[in-house]
Amino acid sequence: MAFKPNYNHERAERNRAKAAKAEQKLKAREEKAAQRKATGDGNDAAPEEGSAE
């Protein structure tokens, strides 16, 4: 074996990567929501179309 395994370090690295991925995903969702709000597209128009019929 080349080196003694450090399980705590490996676990911490996995948790860091997991947190970074979750943060990136959340940021992308927030940006997408902000973009929808800015353009005015959303579910607001859908109920109005349905009630007109």
PDB file of N, CA and C in Angstrom:
ATOM      1  N   MET A   1       0.855  -1.173   0.000  1.00  0.00           N
ATOM      2  CA  MET A   1       0.000   0.000   0.000  1.00  0.00           C
ATOM      3  C   MET A   1       0.902   1.237   0.000  1.00  0.00           C
ATOM      4  N   ALA A   2       0.577   2.220  -0.797  1.00  0.00           N
ATOM      5  CA  ALA A   2       1.410   3.407  -0.955  1.00  0.00           C
ATOM      6  C   ALA A   2       1.333   4.327   0.253  1.00  0.00           C
ATOM      7  N   PHE A   3       0.178   4.450   0.840  1.00  0.00           N
ATOM      8  CA  PHE A   3       0.011   5.338   1.995  1.00  0.00           C
ATOM      9  C   PHE A   3      -1.095   4.814   2.890  1.00  0.00           C
ATOM     10  N   LYS A   4      -1.065   5.262   4.112  1.00  0.00           N
ATOM     11  CA  LYS A   4      -2.095   4.873   5.068  1.00  0.00           C
ATOM     12  C   LYS A   4      -3.371   5.660   4.758  1.00  0.00           C
ATOM     13  N   PRO A   5      -4.492   5.008   4.593  1.00  0.00           N
ATOM     14  CA  PRO A   5      -5.723   5.736   4.269  1.00  0.00           C
ATOM     15  C   PRO A   5      -6.182   6.627   5.421  1.00  0.00           C
ATOM     16  N   ASN A   6      -6.633   7.806   5.066  1.00  0.00           N
ATOM     17  CA  ASN A   6      -7.138   8.756   6.048  1.00  0.00           C
ATOM     18  C   ASN A   6      -8.630   8.940   5.756  1.00  0.00           C
ATOM     19  N   TYR A   7      -9.433   8.117   6.384  1.00  0.00           N
ATOM     20  CA  TYR A   7     -10.856   8.092   6.083  1.00  0.00           C
ATOM     21  C   TYR A   7     -11.554   9.395   6.449  1.00  0.00           C
ATOM     22  N   ASN A   8     -11.145  10.009   7.550  1.00  0.00           N
ATOM     23  CA  ASN A   8     -11.773  11.273   7.945  1.00  0.00           C
ATOM     24  C   ASN A   8     -11.528  12.357   6.909  1.00  0.00           C
ATOM     25  N   HIS A   9     -10.317  12.406   6.373  1.00  0.00           N
ATOM     26  CA  HIS A   9      -9.993  13.399   5.348  1.00  0.00           C
ATOM     27  C   HIS A   9     -10.808  13.140   4.080  1.00  0.00           C
ATOM     28  N   GLU A  10     -10.882  11.887   3.670  1.00  0.00           N
ATOM     29  CA  GLU A  10     -11.642  11.542   2.470  1.00  0.00           C
ATOM     30  C   GLU A  10     -13.115  11.889   2.639  1.00  0.00           C
ATOM     31  N   ARG A  11     -13.637  11.620   3.809  1.00  0.00           N
ATOM     32  CA  ARG A  11     -15.037  11.930   4.091  1.00  0.00           C
ATOM     33  C   ARG A  11     -15.272  13.437   4.061  1.00  0.00           C
ATOM     34  N   ALA A  12     -14.352  14.200   4.643  1.00  0.00           N
ATOM     35  CA  ALA A  12     -14.461  15.660   4.631  1.00  0.00           C
ATOM     36  C   ALA A  12     -14.417  16.196   3.205  1.00  0.00           C
ATOM     37  N   GLU A  13     -13.557  15.617   2.377  1.00  0.00           N
ATOM     38  CA  GLU A  13     -13.469  16.039   0.976  1.00  0.00           C
ATOM     39  C   GLU A  13     -14.776  15.749   0.235  1.00  0.00           C
ATOM     40  N   ARG A  14     -15.360  14.578   0.482  1.00  0.00           N
ATOM     41  CA  ARG A  14     -16.640  14.248  -0.159  1.00  0.00           C
ATOM     42  C   ARG A  14     -17.723  15.220   0.281  1.00  0.00           C
ATOM     43  N   ASN A  15     -17.755  15.533   1.587  1.00  0.00           N
ATOM     44  CA  ASN A  15     -18.761  16.461   2.093  1.00  0.00           C
ATOM     45  C   ASN A  15     -18.573  17.855   1.517  1.00  0.00           C
ATOM     46  N   ARG A  16     -17.303  18.287   1.373  1.00  0.00           N
ATOM     47  CA  ARG A  16     -17.028  19.593   0.771  1.00  0.00           C
ATOM     48  C   ARG A  16     -17.508  19.635  -0.668  1.00  0.00           C
ATOM     49  N   ALA A  17     -17.230  18.589  -1.422  1.00  0.00           N
ATOM     50  CA  ALA A  17     -17.648  18.524  -2.819  1.00  0.00           C
ATOM     51  C   ALA A  17     -19.170  18.517  -2.923  1.00  0.00           C
ATOM     52  N   LYS A  18     -19.810  17.790  -2.028  1.00  0.00           N
ATOM     53  CA  LYS A  18     -21.270  17.713  -2.004  1.00  0.00           C
ATOM     54  C   LYS A  18     -21.879  19.086  -1.716  1.00  0.00           C
ATOM     55  N   ALA A  19     -21.310  19.798  -0.745  1.00  0.00           N
ATOM     56  CA  ALA A  19     -21.803  21.130  -0.386  1.00  0.00           C
ATOM     57  C   ALA A  19     -21.582  22.115  -1.526  1.00  0.00           C
ATOM     58  N   ALA A  20     -20.442  22.029  -2.193  1.00  0.00           N
ATOM     59  CA  ALA A  20     -20.153  22.926  -3.312  1.00  0.00           C
ATOM     60  C   ALA A  20     -21.133  22.683  -4.455  1.00  0.00           C
ATOM     61  N   LYS A  21     -21.435  21.431  -4.716  1.00  0.00           N
ATOM     62  CA  LYS A  21     -22.376  21.090  -5.783  1.00  0.00           C
ATOM     63  C   LYS A  21     -23.776  21.608  -5.449  1.00  0.00           C
ATOM     64  N   ALA A  22     -24.187  21.445  -4.198  1.00  0.00           N
ATOM     65  CA  ALA A  22     -25.503  21.925  -3.771  1.00  0.00           C
ATOM     66  C   ALA A  22     -25.573  23.445  -3.861  1.00  0.00           C
ATOM     67  N   GLU A  23     -24.499  24.125  -3.475  1.00  0.00           N
ATOM     68  CA  GLU A  23     -24.453  25.589  -3.547  1.00  0.00           C
ATOM     69  C   GLU A  23     -24.542  26.063  -4.994  1.00  0.00           C
ATOM     70  N   GLN A  24     -23.835  25.389  -5.881  1.00  0.00           N
ATOM     71  CA  GLN A  24     -23.861  25.739  -7.295  1.00  0.00           C
ATOM     72  C   GLN A  24     -25.262  25.528  -7.875  1.00  0.00           C
ATOM     73  N   LYS A  25     -25.897  24.447  -7.495  1.00  0.00           N
ATOM     74  CA  LYS A  25     -27.243  24.137  -7.975  1.00  0.00           C
ATOM     75  C   LYS A  25     -28.244  25.185  -7.481  1.00  0.00           C
ATOM     76  N   LEU A  26     -28.127  25.567  -6.200  1.00  0.00           N
ATOM     77  CA  LEU A  26     -29.010  26.572  -5.630  1.00  0.00           C
ATOM     78  C   LEU A  26     -28.823  27.914  -6.321  1.00  0.00           C
ATOM     79  N   LYS A  27     -27.577  28.281  -6.576  1.00  0.00           N
ATOM     80  CA  LYS A  27     -27.283  29.547  -7.247  1.00  0.00           C
ATOM     81  C   LYS A  27     -27.894  29.564  -8.646  1.00  0.00           C
ATOM     82  N   ALA A  28     -27.778  28.459  -9.370  1.00  0.00           N
ATOM     83  CA  ALA A  28     -28.343  28.369 -10.714  1.00  0.00           C
ATOM     84  C   ALA A  28     -29.862  28.497 -10.665  1.00  0.00           C
ATOM     85  N   ARG A  29     -30.496  27.861  -9.677  1.00  0.00           N
ATOM     86  CA  ARG A  29     -31.954  27.957  -9.543  1.00  0.00           C
ATOM     87  C   ARG A  29     -32.382  29.382  -9.237  1.00  0.00           C
ATOM     88  N   GLU A  30     -31.633  30.061  -8.348  1.00  0.00           N
ATOM     89  CA  GLU A  30     -31.968  31.438  -7.995  1.00  0.00           C
ATOM     90  C   GLU A  30     -31.804  32.370  -9.191  1.00  0.00           C
ATOM     91  N   GLU A  31     -30.747  32.169  -9.980  1.00  0.00           N
ATOM     92  CA  GLU A  31     -30.537  32.990 -11.169  1.00  0.00           C
ATOM     93  C   GLU A  31     -31.652  32.767 -12.184  1.00  0.00           C
ATOM     94  N   LYS A  32     -32.059  31.525 -12.342  1.00  0.00           N
ATOM     95  CA  LYS A  32     -33.127  31.201 -13.281  1.00  0.00           C
ATOM     96  C   LYS A  32     -34.445  31.842 -12.835  1.00  0.00           C
ATOM     97  N   ALA A  33     -34.709  31.811 -11.522  1.00  0.00           N
ATOM     98  CA  ALA A  33     -35.924  32.421 -10.987  1.00  0.00           C
ATOM     99  C   ALA A  33     -35.886  33.933 -11.166  1.00  0.00           C
ATOM    100  N   ALA A  34     -34.734  34.542 -10.940  1.00  0.00           N
ATOM    101  CA  ALA A  34     -34.599  35.985 -11.112  1.00  0.00           C
ATOM    102  C   ALA A  34     -34.802  36.366 -12.576  1.00  0.00           C
ATOM    103  N   GLN A  35     -34.311  35.534 -13.471  1.00  0.00           N
ATOM    104  CA  GLN A  35     -34.473  35.800 -14.895  1.00  0.00           C
ATOM    105  C   GLN A  35     -35.951  35.708 -15.286  1.00  0.00           C
ATOM    106  N   ARG A  36     -36.667  34.715 -14.739  1.00  0.00           N
ATOM    107  CA  ARG A  36     -38.097  34.590 -15.027  1.00  0.00           C
ATOM    108  C   ARG A  36     -38.853  35.806 -14.521  1.00  0.00           C
ATOM    109  N   LYS A  37     -38.507  36.269 -13.313  1.00  0.00           N
ATOM    110  CA  LYS A  37     -39.172  37.440 -12.752  1.00  0.00           C
ATOM    111  C   LYS A  37     -38.901  38.677 -13.596  1.00  0.00           C
ATOM    112  N   ALA A  38     -37.666  38.836 -14.062  1.00  0.00           N
ATOM    113  CA  ALA A  38     -37.274  40.009 -14.837  1.00  0.00           C
ATOM    114  C   ALA A  38     -37.993  40.056 -16.179  1.00  0.00           C
ATOM    115  N   THR A  39     -38.190  38.902 -16.817  1.00  0.00           N
ATOM    116  CA  THR A  39     -38.832  38.882 -18.124  1.00  0.00           C
ATOM    117  C   THR A  39     -40.354  38.908 -18.001  1.00  0.00           C
ATOM    118  N   GLY A  40     -40.855  38.616 -16.834  1.00  0.00           N
ATOM    119  CA  GLY A  40     -42.297  38.626 -16.637  1.00  0.00           C
ATOM    120  C   GLY A  40     -42.957  37.316 -17.024  1.00  0.00           C
ATOM    121  N   ASP A  41     -42.184  36.367 -17.505  1.00  0.00           N
ATOM    122  CA  ASP A  41     -42.733  35.055 -17.838  1.00  0.00           C
ATOM    123  C   ASP A  41     -42.911  34.263 -16.560  1.00  0.00           C
ATOM    124  N   GLY A  42     -43.971  33.520 -16.517  1.00  0.00           N
ATOM    125  CA  GLY A  42     -44.193  32.717 -15.320  1.00  0.00           C
ATOM    126  C   GLY A  42     -45.573  32.121 -15.353  1.00  0.00           C
ATOM    127  N   ASN A  43     -46.046  31.693 -14.222  1.00  0.00           N
ATOM    128  CA  ASN A  43     -47.355  31.068 -14.131  1.00  0.00           C
ATOM    129  C   ASN A  43     -48.470  32.089 -13.982  1.00  0.00           C
ATOM    130  N   ASP A  44     -48.144  33.362 -13.897  1.00  0.00           N
ATOM    131  CA  ASP A  44     -49.170  34.389 -13.736  1.00  0.00           C
ATOM    132  C   ASP A  44     -50.098  34.439 -14.952  1.00  0.00           C
ATOM    133  N   ALA A  45     -49.581  34.212 -16.137  1.00  0.00           N
ATOM    134  CA  ALA A  45     -50.383  34.292 -17.350  1.00  0.00           C
ATOM    135  C   ALA A  45     -51.266  33.046 -17.527  1.00  0.00           C
ATOM    136  N   ALA A  46     -50.861  31.920 -17.028  1.00  0.00           N
ATOM    137  CA  ALA A  46     -51.585  30.670 -17.236  1.00  0.00           C
ATOM    138  C   ALA A  46     -52.999  30.690 -16.645  1.00  0.00           C
ATOM    139  N   PRO A  47     -53.232  31.115 -15.407  1.00  0.00           N
ATOM    140  CA  PRO A  47     -54.599  31.121 -14.882  1.00  0.00           C
ATOM    141  C   PRO A  47     -55.527  32.087 -15.627  1.00  0.00           C
ATOM    142  N   GLU A  48     -54.992  33.198 -16.110  1.00  0.00           N
ATOM    143  CA  GLU A  48     -55.824  34.159 -16.834  1.00  0.00           C
ATOM    144  C   GLU A  48     -56.330  33.560 -18.141  1.00  0.00           C
ATOM    145  N   GLU A  49     -55.473  32.819 -18.831  1.00  0.00           N
ATOM    146  CA  GLU A  49     -55.883  32.183 -20.074  1.00  0.00           C
ATOM    147  C   GLU A  49     -56.951  31.129 -19.814  1.00  0.00           C
ATOM    148  N   GLY A  50     -56.814  30.369 -18.753  1.00  0.00           N
ATOM    149  CA  GLY A  50     -57.766  29.320 -18.420  1.00  0.00           C
ATOM    150  C   GLY A  50     -59.109  29.890 -18.011  1.00  0.00           C
ATOM    151  N   SER A  51     -59.131  31.030 -17.311  1.00  0.00           N
ATOM    152  CA  SER A  51     -60.384  31.616 -16.859  1.00  0.00           C
ATOM    153  C   SER A  51     -61.123  32.317 -17.997  1.00  0.00           C
ATOM    154  N   ALA A  52     -60.437  32.668 -19.082  1.00  0.00           N
ATOM    155  CA  ALA A  52     -61.065  33.347 -20.208  1.00  0.00           C
ATOM    156  C   ALA A  52     -61.912  32.378 -21.028  1.00  0.00           C
ATOM    157  N   GLU A  53     -61.622  31.100 -20.939  1.00  0.00           N
ATOM    158  CA  GLU A  53     -62.373  30.130 -21.745  1.00  0.00           C
ATOM    159  C   GLU A  53     -63.707  29.825 -21.167  1.00  0.00           C
TER     160      GLU A  53
END
